Amino acid sequence: MSMPNIPDIKPEIVLKRNEVINLLLTSIALEEIGMSHIINAEGEKIQAILKDHCVTLEDALRINHSVERMLRNVIKNQMLLQFKLEDVISLEERDEFFEE
């Protein structure tokens, strides 16, 4: 079997510094929106379980554990997004410093 032939593709993308900063801020905002959807889905999961009046203690604890694990992961992601935002802000501040 022969190896696939991959064409030599060299896209030319030229972005200015402020465009890059705006794209980074947009990516942070989109990730935040995604996290809000996950949090909302976890709340809906709990509501759906509570509507069922035959929930056992074991079922409730299992769902609670599942939601807790997911929220812990959301919190971890939030911390990373905070670091990313702080880095982008420092880029913007450095840019303003060098313009003076």
N, C-alpha and C. Protein backbone atom coordinates (compact mmCIF):
# COMPACT_ATOMS: atom_id res chain seq x y z
N MET A 1 0.85 -1.17 0.00
CA MET A 1 0.00 0.00 0.00
C MET A 1 0.90 1.24 0.00
N SER A 2 0.59 2.18 -0.86
CA SER A 2 1.44 3.37 -0.95
C SER A 2 0.94 4.45 0.00
N MET A 3 1.83 5.35 0.30
CA MET A 3 1.51 6.48 1.19
C MET A 3 0.68 7.50 0.42
N PRO A 4 -0.24 8.19 1.11
CA PRO A 4 -1.04 9.20 0.42
C PRO A 4 -0.17 10.39 0.02
N ASN A 5 -0.55 11.02 -1.06
CA ASN A 5 0.17 12.19 -1.55
C ASN A 5 -0.53 13.43 -1.01
N ILE A 6 0.15 14.15 -0.15
CA ILE A 6 -0.42 15.36 0.47
C ILE A 6 0.11 16.57 -0.28
N PRO A 7 -0.79 17.39 -0.82
CA PRO A 7 -0.31 18.56 -1.56
C PRO A 7 0.35 19.57 -0.63
N ASP A 8 1.24 20.34 -1.18
CA ASP A 8 1.95 21.37 -0.42
C ASP A 8 1.06 22.62 -0.35
N ILE A 9 0.35 22.76 0.77
CA ILE A 9 -0.58 23.87 0.94
C ILE A 9 0.04 24.87 1.91
N LYS A 10 0.16 26.11 1.47
CA LYS A 10 0.71 27.16 2.32
C LYS A 10 -0.24 28.35 2.31
N PRO A 11 -1.25 28.32 3.19
CA PRO A 11 -2.19 29.45 3.21
C PRO A 11 -1.51 30.70 3.75
N GLU A 12 -1.83 31.81 3.17
CA GLU A 12 -1.28 33.08 3.60
C GLU A 12 -2.34 33.81 4.43
N ILE A 13 -2.19 33.77 5.73
CA ILE A 13 -3.12 34.46 6.62
C ILE A 13 -2.33 35.56 7.32
N VAL A 14 -2.77 36.78 7.12
CA VAL A 14 -2.09 37.92 7.72
C VAL A 14 -3.09 38.64 8.63
N LEU A 15 -2.76 38.67 9.91
CA LEU A 15 -3.62 39.34 10.88
C LEU A 15 -2.83 40.39 11.62
N LYS A 16 -3.49 41.50 11.90
CA LYS A 16 -2.86 42.54 12.71
C LYS A 16 -3.02 42.17 14.17
N ARG A 17 -2.20 42.79 15.01
CA ARG A 17 -2.20 42.47 16.44
C ARG A 17 -3.58 42.64 17.08
N ASN A 18 -4.26 43.73 16.78
CA ASN A 18 -5.58 43.95 17.39
C ASN A 18 -6.60 42.93 16.88
N GLU A 19 -6.46 42.44 15.66
CA GLU A 19 -7.35 41.41 15.15
C GLU A 19 -7.12 40.08 15.88
N VAL A 20 -5.87 39.79 16.17
CA VAL A 20 -5.55 38.58 16.92
C VAL A 20 -6.14 38.65 18.33
N ILE A 21 -5.99 39.80 18.97
CA ILE A 21 -6.53 39.98 20.32
C ILE A 21 -8.05 39.82 20.30
N ASN A 22 -8.70 40.40 19.29
CA ASN A 22 -10.16 40.26 19.18
C ASN A 22 -10.57 38.80 18.96
N LEU A 23 -9.81 38.07 18.16
CA LEU A 23 -10.12 36.65 17.95
C LEU A 23 -9.93 35.85 19.23
N LEU A 24 -8.90 36.17 19.99
CA LEU A 24 -8.68 35.47 21.26
C LEU A 24 -9.82 35.76 22.24
N LEU A 25 -10.24 37.02 22.32
CA LEU A 25 -11.36 37.37 23.20
C LEU A 25 -12.65 36.68 22.75
N THR A 26 -12.85 36.59 21.44
CA THR A 26 -14.02 35.90 20.91
C THR A 26 -13.99 34.43 21.26
N SER A 27 -12.82 33.81 21.18
CA SER A 27 -12.73 32.38 21.52
C SER A 27 -13.04 32.15 23.00
N ILE A 28 -12.60 33.07 23.85
CA ILE A 28 -12.90 32.97 25.29
C ILE A 28 -14.41 33.09 25.50
N ALA A 29 -15.02 34.06 24.83
CA ALA A 29 -16.47 34.27 24.98
C ALA A 29 -17.24 33.04 24.50
N LEU A 30 -16.83 32.44 23.41
CA LEU A 30 -17.52 31.25 22.90
C LEU A 30 -17.37 30.06 23.86
N GLU A 31 -16.20 29.93 24.45
CA GLU A 31 -16.02 28.86 25.45
C GLU A 31 -16.89 29.11 26.67
N GLU A 32 -17.02 30.36 27.07
CA GLU A 32 -17.89 30.70 28.21
C GLU A 32 -19.34 30.35 27.89
N ILE A 33 -19.77 30.62 26.67
CA ILE A 33 -21.13 30.27 26.27
C ILE A 33 -21.32 28.76 26.33
N GLY A 34 -20.32 28.02 25.86
CA GLY A 34 -20.39 26.56 25.93
C GLY A 34 -20.50 26.06 27.36
N MET A 35 -19.73 26.67 28.26
CA MET A 35 -19.80 26.28 29.67
C MET A 35 -21.18 26.59 30.26
N SER A 36 -21.77 27.71 29.86
CA SER A 36 -23.10 28.04 30.38
C SER A 36 -24.13 27.02 29.92
N HIS A 37 -23.98 26.51 28.70
CA HIS A 37 -24.90 25.48 28.21
C HIS A 37 -24.74 24.19 29.00
N ILE A 38 -23.51 23.84 29.34
CA ILE A 38 -23.28 22.63 30.14
C ILE A 38 -23.91 22.78 31.52
N ILE A 39 -23.71 23.94 32.15
CA ILE A 39 -24.29 24.17 33.47
C ILE A 39 -25.82 24.09 33.40
N ASN A 40 -26.40 24.69 32.37
CA ASN A 40 -27.84 24.65 32.20
C ASN A 40 -28.33 23.21 32.01
N ALA A 41 -27.60 22.43 31.22
CA ALA A 41 -27.99 21.03 30.99
C ALA A 41 -27.95 20.23 32.29
N GLU A 42 -26.98 20.51 33.14
CA GLU A 42 -26.90 19.80 34.42
C GLU A 42 -28.08 20.17 35.31
N GLY A 43 -28.48 21.43 35.29
CA GLY A 43 -29.67 21.85 36.05
C GLY A 43 -30.92 21.18 35.53
N GLU A 44 -31.04 21.08 34.22
CA GLU A 44 -32.20 20.41 33.63
C GLU A 44 -32.20 18.92 33.96
N LYS A 45 -31.02 18.34 34.04
CA LYS A 45 -30.92 16.92 34.42
C LYS A 45 -31.49 16.71 35.82
N ILE A 46 -31.11 17.59 36.74
CA ILE A 46 -31.59 17.49 38.12
C ILE A 46 -33.11 17.69 38.16
N GLN A 47 -33.61 18.68 37.42
CA GLN A 47 -35.05 18.93 37.40
C GLN A 47 -35.81 17.73 36.85
N ALA A 48 -35.28 17.11 35.81
CA ALA A 48 -35.95 15.95 35.21
C ALA A 48 -36.02 14.79 36.20
N ILE A 49 -34.97 14.60 36.96
CA ILE A 49 -34.95 13.52 37.95
C ILE A 49 -35.94 13.83 39.08
N LEU A 50 -35.99 15.09 39.51
CA LEU A 50 -36.87 15.45 40.62
C LEU A 50 -38.34 15.40 40.24
N LYS A 51 -38.65 15.52 38.94
CA LYS A 51 -40.05 15.41 38.51
C LYS A 51 -40.57 13.99 38.71
N ASP A 52 -39.65 13.03 38.64
CA ASP A 52 -40.02 11.64 38.88
C ASP A 52 -40.13 11.44 40.39
N HIS A 53 -41.32 11.20 40.88
CA HIS A 53 -41.55 11.11 42.33
C HIS A 53 -41.04 9.80 42.93
N CYS A 54 -40.59 8.88 42.09
CA CYS A 54 -40.12 7.58 42.58
C CYS A 54 -38.59 7.52 42.64
N VAL A 55 -37.95 8.62 42.90
CA VAL A 55 -36.49 8.66 42.95
C VAL A 55 -36.03 8.09 44.29
N THR A 56 -35.14 7.12 44.19
CA THR A 56 -34.60 6.54 45.42
C THR A 56 -33.43 7.40 45.89
N LEU A 57 -33.05 7.21 47.12
CA LEU A 57 -31.91 7.94 47.67
C LEU A 57 -30.65 7.61 46.87
N GLU A 58 -30.51 6.35 46.51
CA GLU A 58 -29.34 5.92 45.74
C GLU A 58 -29.30 6.62 44.38
N ASP A 59 -30.47 6.73 43.71
CA ASP A 59 -30.52 7.42 42.42
C ASP A 59 -30.17 8.90 42.58
N ALA A 60 -30.70 9.52 43.62
CA ALA A 60 -30.43 10.94 43.85
C ALA A 60 -28.95 11.18 44.13
N LEU A 61 -28.35 10.30 44.91
CA LEU A 61 -26.92 10.44 45.20
C LEU A 61 -26.06 10.21 43.95
N ARG A 62 -26.49 9.28 43.11
CA ARG A 62 -25.74 9.00 41.88
C ARG A 62 -25.80 10.21 40.94
N ILE A 63 -26.98 10.80 40.80
CA ILE A 63 -27.13 11.99 39.96
C ILE A 63 -26.33 13.15 40.54
N ASN A 64 -26.40 13.31 41.85
CA ASN A 64 -25.65 14.38 42.52
C ASN A 64 -24.15 14.23 42.25
N HIS A 65 -23.66 13.02 42.33
CA HIS A 65 -22.24 12.76 42.08
C HIS A 65 -21.88 13.08 40.62
N SER A 66 -22.76 12.70 39.71
CA SER A 66 -22.54 12.98 38.29
C SER A 66 -22.48 14.48 38.02
N VAL A 67 -23.43 15.21 38.59
CA VAL A 67 -23.47 16.67 38.40
C VAL A 67 -22.24 17.31 39.05
N GLU A 68 -21.87 16.83 40.21
CA GLU A 68 -20.69 17.38 40.90
C GLU A 68 -19.43 17.20 40.06
N ARG A 69 -19.26 16.02 39.47
CA ARG A 69 -18.08 15.77 38.63
C ARG A 69 -18.07 16.72 37.43
N MET A 70 -19.23 16.89 36.81
CA MET A 70 -19.31 17.77 35.64
C MET A 70 -19.01 19.21 36.03
N LEU A 71 -19.57 19.67 37.15
CA LEU A 71 -19.32 21.04 37.58
C LEU A 71 -17.87 21.26 37.99
N ARG A 72 -17.24 20.24 38.54
CA ARG A 72 -15.81 20.35 38.84
C ARG A 72 -15.01 20.57 37.55
N ASN A 73 -15.38 19.85 36.51
CA ASN A 73 -14.69 20.02 35.22
C ASN A 73 -14.96 21.40 34.63
N VAL A 74 -16.17 21.90 34.79
CA VAL A 74 -16.50 23.25 34.32
C VAL A 74 -15.65 24.27 35.07
N ILE A 75 -15.52 24.09 36.37
CA ILE A 75 -14.72 25.02 37.18
C ILE A 75 -13.26 24.99 36.75
N LYS A 76 -12.73 23.81 36.48
CA LYS A 76 -11.35 23.70 35.99
C LYS A 76 -11.18 24.47 34.69
N ASN A 77 -12.15 24.31 33.80
CA ASN A 77 -12.10 25.01 32.52
C ASN A 77 -12.20 26.52 32.73
N GLN A 78 -13.03 26.94 33.68
CA GLN A 78 -13.18 28.36 33.98
C GLN A 78 -11.85 28.96 34.45
N MET A 79 -11.11 28.21 35.26
CA MET A 79 -9.81 28.71 35.73
C MET A 79 -8.86 28.89 34.55
N LEU A 80 -8.86 27.93 33.63
CA LEU A 80 -8.00 28.05 32.45
C LEU A 80 -8.41 29.25 31.59
N LEU A 81 -9.72 29.45 31.45
CA LEU A 81 -10.19 30.61 30.69
C LEU A 81 -9.81 31.92 31.36
N GLN A 82 -9.81 31.93 32.69
CA GLN A 82 -9.38 33.13 33.42
C GLN A 82 -7.91 33.44 33.13
N PHE A 83 -7.07 32.41 33.13
CA PHE A 83 -5.65 32.60 32.80
C PHE A 83 -5.51 33.12 31.37
N LYS A 84 -6.28 32.54 30.45
CA LYS A 84 -6.23 32.96 29.06
C LYS A 84 -6.65 34.42 28.93
N LEU A 85 -7.72 34.80 29.63
CA LEU A 85 -8.19 36.18 29.58
C LEU A 85 -7.14 37.13 30.14
N GLU A 86 -6.53 36.77 31.26
CA GLU A 86 -5.49 37.61 31.85
C GLU A 86 -4.31 37.78 30.90
N ASP A 87 -3.96 36.72 30.18
CA ASP A 87 -2.86 36.81 29.21
C ASP A 87 -3.23 37.73 28.04
N VAL A 88 -4.45 37.63 27.57
CA VAL A 88 -4.89 38.49 26.47
C VAL A 88 -4.93 39.95 26.93
N ILE A 89 -5.40 40.19 28.13
CA ILE A 89 -5.43 41.56 28.66
C ILE A 89 -4.00 42.11 28.78
N SER A 90 -3.07 41.27 29.22
CA SER A 90 -1.69 41.74 29.33
C SER A 90 -1.10 42.04 27.95
N LEU A 91 -1.52 41.29 26.93
CA LEU A 91 -1.08 41.60 25.56
C LEU A 91 -1.57 42.97 25.14
N GLU A 92 -2.83 43.25 25.44
CA GLU A 92 -3.43 44.54 25.09
C GLU A 92 -2.73 45.67 25.84
N GLU A 93 -2.46 45.47 27.13
CA GLU A 93 -1.79 46.51 27.92
C GLU A 93 -0.37 46.74 27.42
N ARG A 94 0.31 45.66 27.06
CA ARG A 94 1.68 45.79 26.53
C ARG A 94 1.66 46.54 25.22
N ASP A 95 0.65 46.26 24.40
CA ASP A 95 0.51 46.93 23.11
C ASP A 95 0.33 48.43 23.32
N GLU A 96 -0.51 48.81 24.30
CA GLU A 96 -0.72 50.22 24.60
C GLU A 96 0.55 50.87 25.13
N PHE A 97 1.33 50.10 25.93
CA PHE A 97 2.57 50.63 26.51
C PHE A 97 3.58 50.97 25.42
N PHE A 98 3.69 50.08 24.41
CA PHE A 98 4.69 50.29 23.36
C PHE A 98 4.27 51.35 22.35
N GLU A 99 2.99 51.69 22.31
CA GLU A 99 2.54 52.72 21.38
C GLU A 99 2.91 54.12 21.86
N GLU A 100 3.08 54.29 23.16
CA GLU A 100 3.36 55.63 23.71
C GLU A 100 4.73 56.12 23.39
